[in-house]
Amino acid sequence: MISLNAVFWILVSLFALIGGVRGWAREILVTFGVVLSIFIMNVLERFVPFINTTLAVTAPTELFWLRAVILLVLVFFGYQTPNLPRIAASGRFVRERLQDVLLGFFLGGINGFMIWGTVWFYLEIANYPFDIIVRPDAASAMGQAAERMMAYLPPAWLGDPIIYFAVAIAFVFVMVVFI
């Protein structure tokens, strides 16, 4: 069995390598997709009574799947958008220098942290509803490290009102740089 901390950091490293290959401009769209998914879940959980009162209490597994599907759909489109011919032909997504690769590596690591950290956070809230993923043992050193990690995962610090500012900054960045 492998600890969730090890799997998490392996995935972050893998996404950093992918980001280095893709470049910073493509990776920033994925970052904005994750921020947007957290924003959507925040709004849904706050203003939709069914999700806030019923689903969160009676069906945590279904709430996990709702959160995960929203996250993965937006991440998927963040990764696929630059492949659309009209957008790719604009020339904004071309990697030309080493600095583009290094910034892509850094943003890819951030994306890995945000994507898998968000999934892990939602798993924790749902009490690890799957048999193949078990809650870290709080008596072990790795379990205690996993417990401390929960405070640093994206949904923990991207709550009200920070998420609203993050979406506004992302929207301004897209308007200024990409359009």
N, C-alpha and C. Protein backbone atom coordinates (compact mmCIF):
# COMPACT_ATOMS: atom_id res chain seq x y z
N MET A 1 0.85 -1.17 0.00
CA MET A 1 0.00 0.00 0.00
C MET A 1 0.89 1.24 0.00
N ILE A 2 0.46 2.25 -0.71
CA ILE A 2 1.21 3.49 -0.81
C ILE A 2 0.40 4.61 -0.14
N SER A 3 1.09 5.52 0.49
CA SER A 3 0.38 6.58 1.20
C SER A 3 -0.16 7.62 0.21
N LEU A 4 -1.20 8.31 0.64
CA LEU A 4 -1.78 9.36 -0.20
C LEU A 4 -0.80 10.51 -0.42
N ASN A 5 0.04 10.78 0.56
CA ASN A 5 1.05 11.83 0.39
C ASN A 5 1.98 11.50 -0.77
N ALA A 6 2.44 10.25 -0.83
CA ALA A 6 3.36 9.85 -1.90
C ALA A 6 2.67 9.92 -3.26
N VAL A 7 1.46 9.42 -3.36
CA VAL A 7 0.72 9.47 -4.62
C VAL A 7 0.50 10.92 -5.03
N PHE A 8 0.15 11.75 -4.08
CA PHE A 8 -0.09 13.17 -4.36
C PHE A 8 1.15 13.83 -4.94
N TRP A 9 2.31 13.66 -4.31
CA TRP A 9 3.52 14.33 -4.79
C TRP A 9 4.04 13.71 -6.08
N ILE A 10 3.78 12.43 -6.31
CA ILE A 10 4.12 11.82 -7.61
C ILE A 10 3.29 12.47 -8.71
N LEU A 11 2.00 12.65 -8.46
CA LEU A 11 1.13 13.27 -9.46
C LEU A 11 1.49 14.74 -9.70
N VAL A 12 1.86 15.45 -8.65
CA VAL A 12 2.29 16.85 -8.81
C VAL A 12 3.55 16.90 -9.68
N SER A 13 4.49 15.99 -9.44
CA SER A 13 5.72 15.95 -10.25
C SER A 13 5.42 15.60 -11.70
N LEU A 14 4.51 14.67 -11.92
CA LEU A 14 4.13 14.29 -13.28
C LEU A 14 3.50 15.47 -14.01
N PHE A 15 2.63 16.19 -13.33
CA PHE A 15 1.99 17.35 -13.96
C PHE A 15 3.00 18.48 -14.20
N ALA A 16 4.03 18.58 -13.36
CA ALA A 16 5.07 19.57 -13.61
C ALA A 16 5.83 19.24 -14.89
N LEU A 17 6.13 17.97 -15.11
CA LEU A 17 6.80 17.57 -16.35
C LEU A 17 5.91 17.84 -17.56
N ILE A 18 4.64 17.53 -17.43
CA ILE A 18 3.70 17.80 -18.52
C ILE A 18 3.64 19.30 -18.80
N GLY A 19 3.63 20.10 -17.75
CA GLY A 19 3.60 21.55 -17.92
C GLY A 19 4.84 22.08 -18.61
N GLY A 20 6.00 21.48 -18.33
CA GLY A 20 7.22 21.89 -19.01
C GLY A 20 7.16 21.62 -20.50
N VAL A 21 6.51 20.54 -20.88
CA VAL A 21 6.37 20.20 -22.30
C VAL A 21 5.35 21.11 -22.97
N ARG A 22 4.28 21.43 -22.27
CA ARG A 22 3.19 22.21 -22.87
C ARG A 22 3.46 23.70 -22.91
N GLY A 23 4.18 24.24 -21.95
CA GLY A 23 4.44 25.68 -21.92
C GLY A 23 3.46 26.40 -21.00
N TRP A 24 3.84 27.62 -20.63
CA TRP A 24 3.08 28.35 -19.61
C TRP A 24 1.71 28.80 -20.08
N ALA A 25 1.57 29.19 -21.34
CA ALA A 25 0.29 29.74 -21.81
C ALA A 25 -0.81 28.69 -21.77
N ARG A 26 -0.47 27.47 -22.11
CA ARG A 26 -1.47 26.40 -22.05
C ARG A 26 -1.78 26.01 -20.61
N GLU A 27 -0.77 26.05 -19.77
CA GLU A 27 -0.97 25.64 -18.37
C GLU A 27 -1.79 26.65 -17.59
N ILE A 28 -1.69 27.92 -17.94
CA ILE A 28 -2.44 28.94 -17.20
C ILE A 28 -3.94 28.74 -17.39
N LEU A 29 -4.34 28.25 -18.55
CA LEU A 29 -5.75 27.98 -18.78
C LEU A 29 -6.27 26.87 -17.88
N VAL A 30 -5.43 25.88 -17.62
CA VAL A 30 -5.82 24.80 -16.71
C VAL A 30 -5.95 25.34 -15.29
N THR A 31 -5.04 26.20 -14.89
CA THR A 31 -5.12 26.81 -13.57
C THR A 31 -6.44 27.56 -13.41
N PHE A 32 -6.80 28.31 -14.43
CA PHE A 32 -8.05 29.05 -14.37
C PHE A 32 -9.25 28.12 -14.36
N GLY A 33 -9.14 26.97 -15.03
CA GLY A 33 -10.21 25.97 -15.00
C GLY A 33 -10.43 25.42 -13.60
N VAL A 34 -9.35 25.18 -12.87
CA VAL A 34 -9.48 24.69 -11.49
C VAL A 34 -10.09 25.75 -10.60
N VAL A 35 -9.63 26.99 -10.76
CA VAL A 35 -10.20 28.09 -9.97
C VAL A 35 -11.69 28.24 -10.27
N LEU A 36 -12.05 28.14 -11.53
CA LEU A 36 -13.46 28.25 -11.91
C LEU A 36 -14.28 27.10 -11.33
N SER A 37 -13.74 25.90 -11.30
CA SER A 37 -14.50 24.77 -10.75
C SER A 37 -14.72 24.94 -9.25
N ILE A 38 -13.72 25.42 -8.54
CA ILE A 38 -13.89 25.66 -7.10
C ILE A 38 -14.91 26.77 -6.89
N PHE A 39 -14.88 27.79 -7.73
CA PHE A 39 -15.86 28.87 -7.66
C PHE A 39 -17.28 28.34 -7.90
N ILE A 40 -17.45 27.53 -8.92
CA ILE A 40 -18.78 26.97 -9.22
C ILE A 40 -19.29 26.14 -8.05
N MET A 41 -18.44 25.30 -7.48
CA MET A 41 -18.88 24.50 -6.34
C MET A 41 -19.21 25.38 -5.13
N ASN A 42 -18.42 26.41 -4.94
CA ASN A 42 -18.69 27.34 -3.83
C ASN A 42 -20.05 27.99 -4.00
N VAL A 43 -20.35 28.45 -5.21
CA VAL A 43 -21.63 29.10 -5.48
C VAL A 43 -22.77 28.10 -5.35
N LEU A 44 -22.61 26.90 -5.92
CA LEU A 44 -23.66 25.88 -5.83
C LEU A 44 -23.95 25.49 -4.38
N GLU A 45 -22.90 25.27 -3.62
CA GLU A 45 -23.09 24.86 -2.23
C GLU A 45 -23.66 25.98 -1.37
N ARG A 46 -23.41 27.19 -1.76
CA ARG A 46 -23.91 28.31 -0.96
C ARG A 46 -25.33 28.71 -1.31
N PHE A 47 -25.71 28.62 -2.61
CA PHE A 47 -26.98 29.18 -3.03
C PHE A 47 -28.01 28.17 -3.53
N VAL A 48 -27.64 26.91 -3.67
CA VAL A 48 -28.60 25.90 -4.10
C VAL A 48 -28.97 25.06 -2.87
N PRO A 49 -30.20 25.20 -2.39
CA PRO A 49 -30.58 24.53 -1.15
C PRO A 49 -30.45 23.01 -1.21
N PHE A 50 -30.74 22.41 -2.35
CA PHE A 50 -30.66 20.95 -2.44
C PHE A 50 -29.24 20.45 -2.16
N ILE A 51 -28.26 21.12 -2.71
CA ILE A 51 -26.88 20.70 -2.50
C ILE A 51 -26.44 21.01 -1.07
N ASN A 52 -26.79 22.17 -0.60
CA ASN A 52 -26.35 22.63 0.71
C ASN A 52 -26.96 21.84 1.86
N THR A 53 -28.25 21.53 1.79
CA THR A 53 -28.90 20.89 2.93
C THR A 53 -29.10 19.39 2.74
N THR A 54 -29.48 18.96 1.55
CA THR A 54 -29.83 17.56 1.35
C THR A 54 -28.63 16.71 0.93
N LEU A 55 -28.00 17.07 -0.16
CA LEU A 55 -26.93 16.26 -0.72
C LEU A 55 -25.72 16.18 0.20
N ALA A 56 -25.36 17.28 0.81
CA ALA A 56 -24.20 17.29 1.70
C ALA A 56 -24.40 16.42 2.93
N VAL A 57 -25.64 16.29 3.38
CA VAL A 57 -25.91 15.53 4.60
C VAL A 57 -26.21 14.07 4.30
N THR A 58 -27.05 13.80 3.31
CA THR A 58 -27.52 12.43 3.10
C THR A 58 -26.71 11.64 2.08
N ALA A 59 -26.01 12.29 1.18
CA ALA A 59 -25.31 11.56 0.11
C ALA A 59 -23.93 12.16 -0.14
N PRO A 60 -22.98 11.98 0.78
CA PRO A 60 -21.65 12.57 0.57
C PRO A 60 -20.91 11.98 -0.64
N THR A 61 -21.19 10.72 -0.99
CA THR A 61 -20.54 10.13 -2.16
C THR A 61 -21.02 10.81 -3.45
N GLU A 62 -22.32 11.06 -3.54
CA GLU A 62 -22.84 11.74 -4.72
C GLU A 62 -22.34 13.18 -4.80
N LEU A 63 -22.20 13.83 -3.65
CA LEU A 63 -21.64 15.19 -3.63
C LEU A 63 -20.18 15.16 -4.09
N PHE A 64 -19.43 14.13 -3.67
CA PHE A 64 -18.06 13.99 -4.15
C PHE A 64 -18.04 13.87 -5.66
N TRP A 65 -18.92 13.03 -6.22
CA TRP A 65 -18.93 12.85 -7.67
C TRP A 65 -19.34 14.12 -8.39
N LEU A 66 -20.26 14.88 -7.84
CA LEU A 66 -20.64 16.16 -8.45
C LEU A 66 -19.44 17.10 -8.49
N ARG A 67 -18.75 17.21 -7.37
CA ARG A 67 -17.58 18.07 -7.32
C ARG A 67 -16.49 17.60 -8.27
N ALA A 68 -16.23 16.29 -8.27
CA ALA A 68 -15.18 15.74 -9.12
C ALA A 68 -15.50 15.91 -10.60
N VAL A 69 -16.75 15.70 -10.98
CA VAL A 69 -17.12 15.84 -12.39
C VAL A 69 -16.97 17.29 -12.85
N ILE A 70 -17.41 18.23 -12.04
CA ILE A 70 -17.25 19.64 -12.40
C ILE A 70 -15.78 19.98 -12.54
N LEU A 71 -14.97 19.54 -11.60
CA LEU A 71 -13.53 19.79 -11.66
C LEU A 71 -12.91 19.16 -12.90
N LEU A 72 -13.17 17.89 -13.13
CA LEU A 72 -12.53 17.19 -14.23
C LEU A 72 -13.00 17.68 -15.60
N VAL A 73 -14.25 18.08 -15.72
CA VAL A 73 -14.73 18.64 -17.00
C VAL A 73 -14.01 19.96 -17.31
N LEU A 74 -13.90 20.83 -16.33
CA LEU A 74 -13.23 22.11 -16.57
C LEU A 74 -11.73 21.93 -16.80
N VAL A 75 -11.11 20.98 -16.09
CA VAL A 75 -9.70 20.69 -16.33
C VAL A 75 -9.51 20.10 -17.73
N PHE A 76 -10.39 19.22 -18.13
CA PHE A 76 -10.32 18.63 -19.47
C PHE A 76 -10.37 19.72 -20.54
N PHE A 77 -11.32 20.63 -20.42
CA PHE A 77 -11.42 21.70 -21.40
C PHE A 77 -10.25 22.67 -21.30
N GLY A 78 -9.69 22.84 -20.12
CA GLY A 78 -8.48 23.65 -19.99
C GLY A 78 -7.32 23.04 -20.73
N TYR A 79 -7.20 21.72 -20.69
CA TYR A 79 -6.13 21.05 -21.42
C TYR A 79 -6.41 20.96 -22.92
N GLN A 80 -7.65 20.93 -23.33
CA GLN A 80 -7.98 20.75 -24.74
C GLN A 80 -8.16 22.04 -25.51
N THR A 81 -8.45 23.14 -24.86
CA THR A 81 -8.75 24.40 -25.55
C THR A 81 -7.64 24.82 -26.52
N PRO A 82 -6.36 24.79 -26.13
CA PRO A 82 -5.34 25.23 -27.08
C PRO A 82 -5.22 24.33 -28.31
N ASN A 83 -5.83 23.16 -28.31
CA ASN A 83 -5.77 22.28 -29.47
C ASN A 83 -6.82 22.63 -30.51
N LEU A 84 -7.74 23.51 -30.18
CA LEU A 84 -8.72 23.93 -31.16
C LEU A 84 -7.99 24.72 -32.25
N PRO A 85 -8.24 24.42 -33.52
CA PRO A 85 -7.46 25.04 -34.61
C PRO A 85 -7.47 26.57 -34.60
N ARG A 86 -8.60 27.18 -34.35
CA ARG A 86 -8.69 28.64 -34.39
C ARG A 86 -7.82 29.28 -33.31
N ILE A 87 -7.83 28.69 -32.12
CA ILE A 87 -7.05 29.25 -31.01
C ILE A 87 -5.57 28.93 -31.18
N ALA A 88 -5.26 27.71 -31.61
CA ALA A 88 -3.87 27.31 -31.78
C ALA A 88 -3.19 28.12 -32.89
N ALA A 89 -3.94 28.53 -33.89
CA ALA A 89 -3.37 29.28 -35.01
C ALA A 89 -3.00 30.71 -34.64
N SER A 90 -3.46 31.18 -33.49
CA SER A 90 -3.19 32.56 -33.11
C SER A 90 -1.73 32.79 -32.78
N GLY A 91 -0.98 31.74 -32.46
CA GLY A 91 0.45 31.88 -32.14
C GLY A 91 0.73 32.22 -30.70
N ARG A 92 -0.27 32.34 -29.87
CA ARG A 92 -0.06 32.69 -28.46
C ARG A 92 0.43 31.51 -27.63
N PHE A 93 0.32 30.31 -28.14
CA PHE A 93 0.66 29.13 -27.36
C PHE A 93 1.96 28.48 -27.81
N VAL A 94 2.79 29.21 -28.51
CA VAL A 94 4.05 28.67 -29.02
C VAL A 94 5.11 28.81 -27.94
N ARG A 95 5.85 27.71 -27.69
CA ARG A 95 6.96 27.75 -26.74
C ARG A 95 8.21 28.10 -27.54
N GLU A 96 8.86 29.19 -27.19
CA GLU A 96 10.00 29.63 -27.96
C GLU A 96 11.31 29.58 -27.17
N ARG A 97 11.27 29.74 -25.88
CA ARG A 97 12.50 29.87 -25.11
C ARG A 97 12.48 28.96 -23.90
N LEU A 98 13.64 28.85 -23.27
CA LEU A 98 13.78 28.04 -22.07
C LEU A 98 12.90 28.58 -20.94
N GLN A 99 12.73 29.87 -20.88
CA GLN A 99 11.91 30.44 -19.82
C GLN A 99 10.45 30.00 -19.94
N ASP A 100 9.97 29.79 -21.17
CA ASP A 100 8.61 29.28 -21.36
C ASP A 100 8.48 27.87 -20.81
N VAL A 101 9.52 27.05 -21.02
CA VAL A 101 9.51 25.67 -20.51
C VAL A 101 9.56 25.68 -18.99
N LEU A 102 10.43 26.51 -18.42
CA LEU A 102 10.56 26.55 -16.96
C LEU A 102 9.29 27.08 -16.29
N LEU A 103 8.71 28.11 -16.87
CA LEU A 103 7.46 28.62 -16.32
C LEU A 103 6.34 27.60 -16.49
N GLY A 104 6.34 26.88 -17.61
CA GLY A 104 5.37 25.81 -17.81
C GLY A 104 5.55 24.69 -16.79
N PHE A 105 6.81 24.37 -16.48
CA PHE A 105 7.11 23.35 -15.45
C PHE A 105 6.55 23.80 -14.10
N PHE A 106 6.78 25.05 -13.74
CA PHE A 106 6.29 25.59 -12.48
C PHE A 106 4.77 25.60 -12.44
N LEU A 107 4.14 26.10 -13.50
CA LEU A 107 2.66 26.14 -13.53
C LEU A 107 2.06 24.75 -13.61
N GLY A 108 2.74 23.82 -14.28
CA GLY A 108 2.27 22.43 -14.31
C GLY A 108 2.27 21.83 -12.91
N GLY A 109 3.31 22.12 -12.12
CA GLY A 109 3.34 21.66 -10.73
C GLY A 109 2.22 22.27 -9.91
N ILE A 110 1.97 23.55 -10.13
CA ILE A 110 0.86 24.20 -9.44
C ILE A 110 -0.47 23.57 -9.85
N ASN A 111 -0.61 23.27 -11.14
CA ASN A 111 -1.84 22.62 -11.61
C ASN A 111 -2.01 21.24 -10.99
N GLY A 112 -0.94 20.47 -10.94
CA GLY A 112 -1.01 19.16 -10.29
C GLY A 112 -1.42 19.30 -8.84
N PHE A 113 -0.83 20.28 -8.16
CA PHE A 113 -1.19 20.53 -6.76
C PHE A 113 -2.65 20.92 -6.64
N MET A 114 -3.11 21.78 -7.53
CA MET A 114 -4.50 22.25 -7.43
C MET A 114 -5.50 21.17 -7.82
N ILE A 115 -5.22 20.42 -8.88
CA ILE A 115 -6.16 19.39 -9.33
C ILE A 115 -6.24 18.27 -8.31
N TRP A 116 -5.11 17.66 -8.01
CA TRP A 116 -5.13 16.49 -7.12
C TRP A 116 -5.35 16.89 -5.68
N GLY A 117 -4.95 18.10 -5.30
CA GLY A 117 -5.25 18.59 -3.96
C GLY A 117 -6.74 18.81 -3.76
N THR A 118 -7.40 19.29 -4.81
CA THR A 118 -8.85 19.49 -4.74
C THR A 118 -9.57 18.15 -4.65
N VAL A 119 -9.15 17.19 -5.48
CA VAL A 119 -9.76 15.85 -5.41
C VAL A 119 -9.54 15.23 -4.04
N TRP A 120 -8.34 15.35 -3.51
CA TRP A 120 -8.03 14.79 -2.19
C TRP A 120 -8.87 15.46 -1.11
N PHE A 121 -9.01 16.77 -1.19
CA PHE A 121 -9.83 17.50 -0.22
C PHE A 121 -11.28 17.03 -0.26
N TYR A 122 -11.82 16.85 -1.47
CA TYR A 122 -13.19 16.36 -1.61
C TYR A 122 -13.33 14.93 -1.12
N LEU A 123 -12.30 14.10 -1.32
CA LEU A 123 -12.31 12.74 -0.76
C LEU A 123 -12.36 12.78 0.76
N GLU A 124 -11.60 13.66 1.36
CA GLU A 124 -11.58 13.79 2.82
C GLU A 124 -12.95 14.21 3.35
N ILE A 125 -13.58 15.17 2.68
CA ILE A 125 -14.90 15.62 3.11
C ILE A 125 -15.92 14.49 3.01
N ALA A 126 -15.78 13.66 1.96
CA ALA A 126 -16.72 12.55 1.75
C ALA A 126 -16.36 11.32 2.57
N ASN A 127 -15.36 11.41 3.43
CA ASN A 127 -14.92 10.29 4.28
C ASN A 127 -14.40 9.12 3.46
N TYR A 128 -13.69 9.38 2.38
CA TYR A 128 -13.06 8.35 1.55
C TYR A 128 -14.06 7.24 1.23
N PRO A 129 -15.03 7.50 0.37
CA PRO A 129 -16.13 6.57 0.16
C PRO A 129 -15.79 5.32 -0.66
N PHE A 130 -14.55 5.14 -1.06
CA PHE A 130 -14.18 4.01 -1.90
C PHE A 130 -13.33 3.02 -1.11
N ASP A 131 -13.49 1.76 -1.42
CA ASP A 131 -12.74 0.72 -0.71
C ASP A 131 -11.26 0.74 -1.02
N ILE A 132 -10.88 1.19 -2.20
CA ILE A 132 -9.47 1.15 -2.58
C ILE A 132 -8.67 2.33 -2.01
N ILE A 133 -9.35 3.35 -1.52
CA ILE A 133 -8.68 4.51 -0.91
C ILE A 133 -9.14 4.59 0.53
N VAL A 134 -8.21 4.47 1.45
CA VAL A 134 -8.57 4.50 2.87
C VAL A 134 -8.00 5.76 3.51
N ARG A 135 -8.66 6.16 4.58
CA ARG A 135 -8.23 7.34 5.34
C ARG A 135 -6.83 7.07 5.92
N PRO A 136 -5.94 8.06 5.83
CA PRO A 136 -4.62 7.89 6.43
C PRO A 136 -4.72 7.65 7.93
N ASP A 137 -3.89 6.76 8.42
CA ASP A 137 -3.87 6.42 9.84
C ASP A 137 -3.28 7.57 10.63
N ALA A 138 -4.08 8.18 11.48
CA ALA A 138 -3.63 9.35 12.25
C ALA A 138 -2.55 9.00 13.26
N ALA A 139 -2.36 7.70 13.56
CA ALA A 139 -1.34 7.30 14.52
C ALA A 139 0.05 7.24 13.88
N SER A 140 0.11 7.16 12.55
CA SER A 140 1.41 7.08 11.88
C SER A 140 1.91 8.47 11.50
N ALA A 141 3.20 8.54 11.20
CA ALA A 141 3.80 9.82 10.80
C ALA A 141 3.24 10.29 9.45
N MET A 142 3.04 9.35 8.52
CA MET A 142 2.48 9.71 7.22
C MET A 142 1.04 10.18 7.35
N GLY A 143 0.29 9.56 8.23
CA GLY A 143 -1.09 9.97 8.47
C GLY A 143 -1.17 11.36 9.07
N GLN A 144 -0.26 11.66 9.97
CA GLN A 144 -0.24 12.99 10.57
C GLN A 144 0.17 14.05 9.54
N ALA A 145 1.09 13.68 8.65
CA ALA A 145 1.47 14.60 7.58
C ALA A 145 0.29 14.84 6.64
N ALA A 146 -0.48 13.79 6.37
CA ALA A 146 -1.67 13.94 5.52
C ALA A 146 -2.70 14.84 6.19
N GLU A 147 -2.88 14.69 7.48
CA GLU A 147 -3.82 15.53 8.22
C GLU A 147 -3.39 17.01 8.17
N ARG A 148 -2.10 17.25 8.32
CA ARG A 148 -1.60 18.64 8.25
C ARG A 148 -1.75 19.21 6.85
N MET A 149 -1.64 18.35 5.84
CA MET A 149 -1.72 18.79 4.45
C MET A 149 -3.09 19.34 4.09
N MET A 150 -4.12 18.88 4.76
CA MET A 150 -5.50 19.30 4.44
C MET A 150 -5.67 20.81 4.51
N ALA A 151 -4.97 21.48 5.39
CA ALA A 151 -5.11 22.94 5.52
C ALA A 151 -4.50 23.68 4.34
N TYR A 152 -3.64 23.03 3.57
CA TYR A 152 -2.95 23.69 2.46
C TYR A 152 -3.54 23.35 1.10
N LEU A 153 -4.51 22.47 1.05
CA LEU A 153 -5.11 22.09 -0.23
C LEU A 153 -6.04 23.21 -0.71
N PRO A 154 -6.18 23.37 -2.03
CA PRO A 154 -6.86 24.55 -2.59
C PRO A 154 -8.25 24.87 -2.04
N PRO A 155 -9.19 23.93 -1.91
CA PRO A 155 -10.49 24.35 -1.39
C PRO A 155 -10.45 24.86 0.05
N ALA A 156 -9.41 24.51 0.79
CA ALA A 156 -9.30 24.98 2.17
C ALA A 156 -8.99 26.48 2.22
N TRP A 157 -8.17 26.96 1.32
CA TRP A 157 -7.81 28.39 1.36
C TRP A 157 -8.46 29.20 0.25
N LEU A 158 -9.14 28.56 -0.69
CA LEU A 158 -9.86 29.30 -1.73
C LEU A 158 -11.35 29.36 -1.41
N GLY A 159 -11.66 29.77 -0.21
CA GLY A 159 -13.05 29.92 0.19
C GLY A 159 -13.51 31.35 0.03
N ASP A 160 -14.61 31.68 0.70
CA ASP A 160 -15.12 33.05 0.65
C ASP A 160 -14.15 33.97 1.38
N PRO A 161 -13.88 35.12 0.96
CA PRO A 161 -14.14 35.81 -0.30
C PRO A 161 -13.00 35.65 -1.30
N ILE A 162 -11.96 34.89 -0.95
CA ILE A 162 -10.77 34.79 -1.80
C ILE A 162 -11.11 34.24 -3.18
N ILE A 163 -12.03 33.29 -3.25
CA ILE A 163 -12.35 32.68 -4.55
C ILE A 163 -12.93 33.71 -5.51
N TYR A 164 -13.69 34.67 -5.00
CA TYR A 164 -14.26 35.71 -5.86
C TYR A 164 -13.17 36.59 -6.47
N PHE A 165 -12.17 36.93 -5.67
CA PHE A 165 -11.05 37.71 -6.19
C PHE A 165 -10.23 36.89 -7.18
N ALA A 166 -10.05 35.60 -6.91
CA ALA A 166 -9.29 34.74 -7.82
C ALA A 166 -9.98 34.63 -9.18
N VAL A 167 -11.29 34.50 -9.19
CA VAL A 167 -12.02 34.43 -10.46
C VAL A 167 -11.91 35.76 -11.20
N ALA A 168 -12.02 36.87 -10.49
CA ALA A 168 -11.91 38.18 -11.13
C ALA A 168 -10.52 38.38 -11.73
N ILE A 169 -9.48 37.99 -11.01
CA ILE A 169 -8.11 38.12 -11.52
C ILE A 169 -7.91 37.22 -12.73
N ALA A 170 -8.43 36.00 -12.67
CA ALA A 170 -8.31 35.08 -13.81
C ALA A 170 -9.03 35.64 -15.03
N PHE A 171 -10.20 36.20 -14.82
CA PHE A 171 -10.96 36.76 -15.95
C PHE A 171 -10.22 37.94 -16.56
N VAL A 172 -9.68 38.82 -15.75
CA VAL A 172 -8.93 39.96 -16.27
C VAL A 172 -7.69 39.47 -17.02
N PHE A 173 -7.01 38.47 -16.47
CA PHE A 173 -5.81 37.94 -17.13
C PHE A 173 -6.15 37.38 -18.51
N VAL A 174 -7.23 36.63 -18.60
CA VAL A 174 -7.64 36.07 -19.89
C VAL A 174 -8.01 37.18 -20.85
N MET A 175 -8.72 38.18 -20.39
CA MET A 175 -9.12 39.28 -21.27
C MET A 175 -7.92 40.05 -21.79
N VAL A 176 -6.93 40.29 -20.94
CA VAL A 176 -5.78 41.10 -21.33
C VAL A 176 -4.78 40.30 -22.18
N VAL A 177 -4.47 39.07 -21.77
CA VAL A 177 -3.41 38.32 -22.43
C VAL A 177 -3.89 37.54 -23.64
N PHE A 178 -5.06 36.91 -23.54
CA PHE A 178 -5.45 35.97 -24.58
C PHE A 178 -6.41 36.54 -25.62
N ILE A 179 -7.05 37.65 -25.34
CA ILE A 179 -8.02 38.16 -26.31
C ILE A 179 -7.51 39.42 -26.95
